[in-house]
Amino acid sequence: MKLLWVYLIATAIFFAIDMVWIGFVARSFYKEKLGYLLAEQPRWAAAIIFYLIYIGGILFFAVVPALREQVWTTALVNGAVLGLLCYATYDLTNLATIARFPVVVVIVDILWGIFLTAAVSTITFLIGSRIG
């Protein structure tokens, strides 16, 4: 039951942080750099499936090990590494396969993935460690 609560907490944190990024901070950046590729409307089913799977990965690779060890830096480091691996896979694949895919988007997006995943992992650990 605790794991379900931790998953829900991670989901809320992830959505809150990522929606601020996508909706406000980087919105014009992505439109300017990738406008020629963007769909008029997001494919929400695909996005939701990604988020649910990715958040499960955050728990499996970062939060649960940190909770087991009771060490917040495990959540931080494992989250950062997971963010690097996943976002680099996505962005470097795009760079390799999509003509004119901007290198600046690759760099910004990978850095964002590292920060986002590390932050979500650490905050989720801090809250989750207080749940009985």
N, C-alpha and C. Protein backbone atom coordinates (compact mmCIF):
# COMPACT_ATOMS: atom_id res chain seq x y z
N MET A 1 0.83 -1.19 0.00
CA MET A 1 0.00 0.00 0.00
C MET A 1 0.87 1.26 0.00
N LYS A 2 1.99 1.19 0.75
CA LYS A 2 2.90 2.34 0.79
C LYS A 2 3.43 2.64 -0.61
N LEU A 3 3.74 1.58 -1.36
CA LEU A 3 4.28 1.78 -2.70
C LEU A 3 3.28 2.49 -3.62
N LEU A 4 2.01 2.17 -3.47
CA LEU A 4 0.98 2.85 -4.26
C LEU A 4 0.96 4.34 -3.92
N TRP A 5 1.04 4.67 -2.64
CA TRP A 5 1.07 6.07 -2.22
C TRP A 5 2.30 6.79 -2.77
N VAL A 6 3.42 6.11 -2.70
CA VAL A 6 4.66 6.71 -3.21
C VAL A 6 4.55 6.92 -4.72
N TYR A 7 3.96 5.97 -5.42
CA TYR A 7 3.74 6.12 -6.87
C TYR A 7 2.85 7.33 -7.16
N LEU A 8 1.77 7.47 -6.43
CA LEU A 8 0.86 8.61 -6.63
C LEU A 8 1.55 9.93 -6.31
N ILE A 9 2.36 9.93 -5.26
CA ILE A 9 3.12 11.14 -4.91
C ILE A 9 4.09 11.48 -6.04
N ALA A 10 4.83 10.49 -6.53
CA ALA A 10 5.77 10.73 -7.62
C ALA A 10 5.06 11.24 -8.86
N THR A 11 3.90 10.69 -9.15
CA THR A 11 3.11 11.13 -10.31
C THR A 11 2.73 12.59 -10.18
N ALA A 12 2.23 12.97 -9.02
CA ALA A 12 1.83 14.37 -8.80
C ALA A 12 3.03 15.31 -8.91
N ILE A 13 4.14 14.93 -8.33
CA ILE A 13 5.34 15.77 -8.38
C ILE A 13 5.84 15.89 -9.81
N PHE A 14 5.90 14.76 -10.51
CA PHE A 14 6.39 14.76 -11.89
C PHE A 14 5.53 15.67 -12.76
N PHE A 15 4.20 15.48 -12.69
CA PHE A 15 3.31 16.30 -13.51
C PHE A 15 3.43 17.78 -13.16
N ALA A 16 3.50 18.09 -11.89
CA ALA A 16 3.59 19.50 -11.48
C ALA A 16 4.85 20.15 -12.06
N ILE A 17 5.98 19.49 -11.92
CA ILE A 17 7.23 20.08 -12.40
C ILE A 17 7.28 20.10 -13.92
N ASP A 18 6.93 18.98 -14.55
CA ASP A 18 7.04 18.89 -16.01
C ASP A 18 6.04 19.80 -16.71
N MET A 19 4.86 19.97 -16.16
CA MET A 19 3.87 20.84 -16.80
C MET A 19 4.30 22.31 -16.72
N VAL A 20 4.95 22.69 -15.64
CA VAL A 20 5.48 24.06 -15.56
C VAL A 20 6.54 24.25 -16.65
N TRP A 21 7.41 23.26 -16.81
CA TRP A 21 8.45 23.33 -17.83
C TRP A 21 7.85 23.39 -19.23
N ILE A 22 7.02 22.40 -19.55
CA ILE A 22 6.45 22.31 -20.90
C ILE A 22 5.47 23.44 -21.16
N GLY A 23 4.66 23.77 -20.16
CA GLY A 23 3.60 24.75 -20.37
C GLY A 23 4.03 26.19 -20.33
N PHE A 24 5.09 26.50 -19.60
CA PHE A 24 5.46 27.90 -19.41
C PHE A 24 6.91 28.20 -19.77
N VAL A 25 7.83 27.49 -19.16
CA VAL A 25 9.24 27.83 -19.30
C VAL A 25 9.76 27.56 -20.70
N ALA A 26 9.57 26.35 -21.20
CA ALA A 26 10.20 25.95 -22.47
C ALA A 26 9.23 25.90 -23.65
N ARG A 27 8.02 26.29 -23.44
CA ARG A 27 7.00 26.19 -24.50
C ARG A 27 7.44 26.88 -25.79
N SER A 28 7.84 28.12 -25.70
CA SER A 28 8.25 28.85 -26.90
C SER A 28 9.55 28.29 -27.48
N PHE A 29 10.43 27.79 -26.63
CA PHE A 29 11.68 27.19 -27.08
C PHE A 29 11.39 25.99 -27.99
N TYR A 30 10.53 25.08 -27.52
CA TYR A 30 10.22 23.90 -28.32
C TYR A 30 9.45 24.27 -29.59
N LYS A 31 8.55 25.23 -29.50
CA LYS A 31 7.82 25.67 -30.70
C LYS A 31 8.76 26.26 -31.73
N GLU A 32 9.70 27.08 -31.27
CA GLU A 32 10.65 27.72 -32.18
C GLU A 32 11.56 26.68 -32.84
N LYS A 33 12.06 25.74 -32.05
CA LYS A 33 13.05 24.79 -32.55
C LYS A 33 12.44 23.58 -33.25
N LEU A 34 11.24 23.19 -32.82
CA LEU A 34 10.65 21.95 -33.33
C LEU A 34 9.26 22.15 -33.95
N GLY A 35 8.88 23.37 -34.17
CA GLY A 35 7.54 23.66 -34.67
C GLY A 35 7.17 22.86 -35.91
N TYR A 36 8.15 22.62 -36.76
CA TYR A 36 7.90 21.88 -38.00
C TYR A 36 7.58 20.41 -37.74
N LEU A 37 7.85 19.92 -36.55
CA LEU A 37 7.60 18.52 -36.20
C LEU A 37 6.41 18.32 -35.26
N LEU A 38 6.01 19.37 -34.56
CA LEU A 38 5.01 19.22 -33.50
C LEU A 38 3.61 19.00 -34.06
N ALA A 39 2.89 18.10 -33.40
CA ALA A 39 1.48 17.89 -33.73
C ALA A 39 0.68 19.09 -33.22
N GLU A 40 -0.45 19.34 -33.85
CA GLU A 40 -1.28 20.45 -33.40
C GLU A 40 -1.76 20.23 -31.98
N GLN A 41 -2.10 19.00 -31.65
CA GLN A 41 -2.51 18.63 -30.30
C GLN A 41 -1.68 17.43 -29.86
N PRO A 42 -1.28 17.41 -28.60
CA PRO A 42 -0.55 16.23 -28.12
C PRO A 42 -1.42 14.98 -28.22
N ARG A 43 -0.76 13.87 -28.40
CA ARG A 43 -1.46 12.58 -28.37
C ARG A 43 -1.45 12.13 -26.91
N TRP A 44 -2.51 12.50 -26.20
CA TRP A 44 -2.54 12.35 -24.75
C TRP A 44 -2.43 10.91 -24.29
N ALA A 45 -3.01 9.97 -25.02
CA ALA A 45 -2.92 8.57 -24.61
C ALA A 45 -1.45 8.12 -24.58
N ALA A 46 -0.71 8.45 -25.62
CA ALA A 46 0.71 8.09 -25.66
C ALA A 46 1.48 8.78 -24.54
N ALA A 47 1.18 10.05 -24.32
CA ALA A 47 1.88 10.80 -23.27
C ALA A 47 1.60 10.20 -21.89
N ILE A 48 0.36 9.87 -21.63
CA ILE A 48 -0.01 9.31 -20.33
C ILE A 48 0.65 7.95 -20.12
N ILE A 49 0.65 7.12 -21.16
CA ILE A 49 1.31 5.81 -21.05
C ILE A 49 2.80 5.99 -20.76
N PHE A 50 3.45 6.93 -21.46
CA PHE A 50 4.86 7.19 -21.18
C PHE A 50 5.06 7.59 -19.73
N TYR A 51 4.26 8.57 -19.25
CA TYR A 51 4.42 9.05 -17.89
C TYR A 51 4.24 7.92 -16.88
N LEU A 52 3.24 7.09 -17.05
CA LEU A 52 2.98 6.01 -16.10
C LEU A 52 4.13 5.01 -16.06
N ILE A 53 4.67 4.68 -17.24
CA ILE A 53 5.81 3.76 -17.30
C ILE A 53 7.06 4.41 -16.72
N TYR A 54 7.32 5.65 -17.11
CA TYR A 54 8.54 6.33 -16.66
C TYR A 54 8.54 6.54 -15.14
N ILE A 55 7.40 6.89 -14.60
CA ILE A 55 7.32 7.08 -13.15
C ILE A 55 7.53 5.75 -12.44
N GLY A 56 7.05 4.66 -13.01
CA GLY A 56 7.35 3.34 -12.47
C GLY A 56 8.85 3.08 -12.46
N GLY A 57 9.52 3.49 -13.54
CA GLY A 57 10.98 3.37 -13.60
C GLY A 57 11.69 4.21 -12.56
N ILE A 58 11.19 5.39 -12.33
CA ILE A 58 11.76 6.25 -11.29
C ILE A 58 11.68 5.57 -9.92
N LEU A 59 10.52 4.98 -9.64
CA LEU A 59 10.39 4.28 -8.37
C LEU A 59 11.34 3.09 -8.31
N PHE A 60 11.34 2.27 -9.36
CA PHE A 60 12.13 1.04 -9.37
C PHE A 60 13.63 1.31 -9.26
N PHE A 61 14.11 2.27 -10.02
CA PHE A 61 15.55 2.49 -10.09
C PHE A 61 16.10 3.52 -9.09
N ALA A 62 15.26 4.39 -8.59
CA ALA A 62 15.77 5.47 -7.73
C ALA A 62 15.10 5.52 -6.36
N VAL A 63 13.79 5.61 -6.33
CA VAL A 63 13.11 5.86 -5.06
C VAL A 63 13.13 4.64 -4.14
N VAL A 64 12.74 3.48 -4.66
CA VAL A 64 12.70 2.29 -3.81
C VAL A 64 14.09 1.94 -3.26
N PRO A 65 15.14 1.95 -4.09
CA PRO A 65 16.46 1.71 -3.50
C PRO A 65 16.83 2.73 -2.41
N ALA A 66 16.47 3.99 -2.63
CA ALA A 66 16.77 5.02 -1.63
C ALA A 66 15.97 4.78 -0.36
N LEU A 67 14.70 4.39 -0.50
CA LEU A 67 13.89 4.09 0.68
C LEU A 67 14.45 2.88 1.42
N ARG A 68 14.91 1.89 0.69
CA ARG A 68 15.49 0.70 1.31
C ARG A 68 16.73 1.08 2.12
N GLU A 69 17.57 1.94 1.54
CA GLU A 69 18.81 2.36 2.20
C GLU A 69 18.61 3.51 3.19
N GLN A 70 17.49 4.23 3.02
CA GLN A 70 17.21 5.44 3.79
C GLN A 70 18.30 6.50 3.56
N VAL A 71 18.67 6.66 2.27
CA VAL A 71 19.71 7.62 1.88
C VAL A 71 19.16 8.45 0.71
N TRP A 72 18.98 9.74 0.95
CA TRP A 72 18.39 10.59 -0.08
C TRP A 72 19.28 10.75 -1.30
N THR A 73 20.59 10.66 -1.11
CA THR A 73 21.49 10.83 -2.25
C THR A 73 21.39 9.67 -3.25
N THR A 74 20.93 8.52 -2.78
CA THR A 74 20.68 7.41 -3.70
C THR A 74 19.57 7.79 -4.67
N ALA A 75 18.52 8.40 -4.16
CA ALA A 75 17.42 8.87 -5.02
C ALA A 75 17.93 9.92 -6.00
N LEU A 76 18.72 10.84 -5.51
CA LEU A 76 19.24 11.92 -6.35
C LEU A 76 20.13 11.39 -7.47
N VAL A 77 21.12 10.60 -7.12
CA VAL A 77 22.08 10.10 -8.11
C VAL A 77 21.42 9.12 -9.08
N ASN A 78 20.67 8.14 -8.54
CA ASN A 78 20.01 7.19 -9.43
C ASN A 78 18.99 7.87 -10.33
N GLY A 79 18.31 8.86 -9.79
CA GLY A 79 17.36 9.61 -10.61
C GLY A 79 18.07 10.37 -11.72
N ALA A 80 19.16 11.01 -11.40
CA ALA A 80 19.93 11.75 -12.41
C ALA A 80 20.44 10.82 -13.51
N VAL A 81 20.95 9.67 -13.11
CA VAL A 81 21.46 8.71 -14.10
C VAL A 81 20.32 8.18 -14.97
N LEU A 82 19.19 7.86 -14.36
CA LEU A 82 18.03 7.40 -15.13
C LEU A 82 17.57 8.48 -16.11
N GLY A 83 17.52 9.72 -15.65
CA GLY A 83 17.13 10.82 -16.53
C GLY A 83 18.09 10.97 -17.69
N LEU A 84 19.38 10.87 -17.42
CA LEU A 84 20.39 10.94 -18.48
C LEU A 84 20.17 9.82 -19.50
N LEU A 85 20.04 8.60 -19.02
CA LEU A 85 19.89 7.46 -19.92
C LEU A 85 18.63 7.57 -20.78
N CYS A 86 17.53 7.87 -20.16
CA CYS A 86 16.26 7.89 -20.90
C CYS A 86 16.15 9.07 -21.85
N TYR A 87 16.48 10.25 -21.37
CA TYR A 87 16.36 11.42 -22.24
C TYR A 87 17.42 11.41 -23.32
N ALA A 88 18.60 10.91 -23.02
CA ALA A 88 19.64 10.80 -24.05
C ALA A 88 19.23 9.79 -25.11
N THR A 89 18.62 8.70 -24.70
CA THR A 89 18.14 7.71 -25.68
C THR A 89 17.15 8.36 -26.64
N TYR A 90 16.19 9.07 -26.09
CA TYR A 90 15.17 9.73 -26.92
C TYR A 90 15.80 10.79 -27.82
N ASP A 91 16.54 11.69 -27.24
CA ASP A 91 17.05 12.83 -28.00
C ASP A 91 18.13 12.45 -29.00
N LEU A 92 19.02 11.57 -28.62
CA LEU A 92 20.07 11.16 -29.56
C LEU A 92 19.51 10.30 -30.68
N THR A 93 18.47 9.52 -30.40
CA THR A 93 17.80 8.79 -31.47
C THR A 93 17.15 9.77 -32.45
N ASN A 94 16.51 10.81 -31.92
CA ASN A 94 15.93 11.83 -32.79
C ASN A 94 17.01 12.51 -33.63
N LEU A 95 18.12 12.84 -32.99
CA LEU A 95 19.21 13.48 -33.71
C LEU A 95 19.74 12.58 -34.83
N ALA A 96 19.78 11.29 -34.56
CA ALA A 96 20.30 10.34 -35.54
C ALA A 96 19.32 10.07 -36.68
N THR A 97 18.02 10.24 -36.43
CA THR A 97 17.04 9.79 -37.42
C THR A 97 16.16 10.87 -38.04
N ILE A 98 16.14 12.05 -37.46
CA ILE A 98 15.27 13.12 -37.98
C ILE A 98 16.14 14.20 -38.59
N ALA A 99 15.88 14.46 -39.86
CA ALA A 99 16.65 15.50 -40.56
C ALA A 99 16.44 16.84 -39.87
N ARG A 100 17.51 17.59 -39.72
CA ARG A 100 17.49 18.93 -39.14
C ARG A 100 17.00 18.96 -37.69
N PHE A 101 17.16 17.86 -36.96
CA PHE A 101 16.79 17.89 -35.54
C PHE A 101 17.84 18.74 -34.83
N PRO A 102 17.42 19.78 -34.10
CA PRO A 102 18.39 20.73 -33.53
C PRO A 102 19.22 20.16 -32.37
N VAL A 103 20.52 20.33 -32.46
CA VAL A 103 21.42 19.89 -31.40
C VAL A 103 21.11 20.61 -30.09
N VAL A 104 20.72 21.86 -30.16
CA VAL A 104 20.43 22.61 -28.94
C VAL A 104 19.25 21.98 -28.20
N VAL A 105 18.30 21.42 -28.91
CA VAL A 105 17.18 20.74 -28.27
C VAL A 105 17.68 19.48 -27.56
N VAL A 106 18.58 18.77 -28.19
CA VAL A 106 19.16 17.57 -27.58
C VAL A 106 19.81 17.93 -26.25
N ILE A 107 20.62 18.95 -26.24
CA ILE A 107 21.34 19.36 -25.03
C ILE A 107 20.38 19.82 -23.94
N VAL A 108 19.48 20.72 -24.29
CA VAL A 108 18.53 21.25 -23.31
C VAL A 108 17.64 20.14 -22.76
N ASP A 109 17.15 19.28 -23.63
CA ASP A 109 16.23 18.25 -23.21
C ASP A 109 16.92 17.20 -22.31
N ILE A 110 18.14 16.84 -22.63
CA ILE A 110 18.86 15.90 -21.78
C ILE A 110 19.12 16.52 -20.40
N LEU A 111 19.54 17.76 -20.37
CA LEU A 111 19.75 18.43 -19.09
C LEU A 111 18.45 18.50 -18.30
N TRP A 112 17.35 18.79 -19.00
CA TRP A 112 16.04 18.83 -18.33
C TRP A 112 15.70 17.45 -17.77
N GLY A 113 15.92 16.40 -18.53
CA GLY A 113 15.62 15.05 -18.07
C GLY A 113 16.41 14.67 -16.83
N ILE A 114 17.66 15.06 -16.80
CA ILE A 114 18.50 14.80 -15.62
C ILE A 114 17.94 15.52 -14.41
N PHE A 115 17.68 16.82 -14.58
CA PHE A 115 17.15 17.61 -13.46
C PHE A 115 15.79 17.10 -13.01
N LEU A 116 14.88 16.91 -13.94
CA LEU A 116 13.51 16.50 -13.61
C LEU A 116 13.50 15.17 -12.87
N THR A 117 14.19 14.19 -13.40
CA THR A 117 14.16 12.86 -12.80
C THR A 117 14.86 12.86 -11.45
N ALA A 118 15.96 13.57 -11.32
CA ALA A 118 16.64 13.67 -10.03
C ALA A 118 15.76 14.38 -9.00
N ALA A 119 15.11 15.45 -9.42
CA ALA A 119 14.24 16.21 -8.50
C ALA A 119 13.04 15.38 -8.06
N VAL A 120 12.38 14.75 -9.01
CA VAL A 120 11.22 13.92 -8.67
C VAL A 120 11.62 12.78 -7.75
N SER A 121 12.73 12.14 -8.06
CA SER A 121 13.22 11.03 -7.23
C SER A 121 13.50 11.49 -5.81
N THR A 122 14.19 12.59 -5.68
CA THR A 122 14.59 13.08 -4.35
C THR A 122 13.38 13.56 -3.55
N ILE A 123 12.52 14.34 -4.16
CA ILE A 123 11.33 14.84 -3.45
C ILE A 123 10.42 13.69 -3.06
N THR A 124 10.24 12.74 -3.97
CA THR A 124 9.41 11.57 -3.66
C THR A 124 10.01 10.78 -2.51
N PHE A 125 11.32 10.60 -2.51
CA PHE A 125 11.98 9.92 -1.40
C PHE A 125 11.72 10.66 -0.09
N LEU A 126 11.92 11.97 -0.10
CA LEU A 126 11.76 12.75 1.14
C LEU A 126 10.35 12.63 1.70
N ILE A 127 9.36 12.67 0.82
CA ILE A 127 7.98 12.52 1.28
C ILE A 127 7.68 11.06 1.63
N GLY A 128 8.10 10.16 0.76
CA GLY A 128 7.83 8.74 0.96
C GLY A 128 8.48 8.17 2.21
N SER A 129 9.60 8.70 2.60
CA SER A 129 10.29 8.20 3.81
C SER A 129 9.52 8.56 5.09
N ARG A 130 8.58 9.47 4.97
CA ARG A 130 7.77 9.87 6.13
C ARG A 130 6.45 9.12 6.22
N ILE A 131 6.16 8.31 5.21
CA ILE A 131 4.93 7.53 5.21
C ILE A 131 5.19 6.24 5.96
N GLY A 132 4.32 5.96 6.96
CA GLY A 132 4.50 4.78 7.80
C GLY A 132 4.28 3.55 7.03
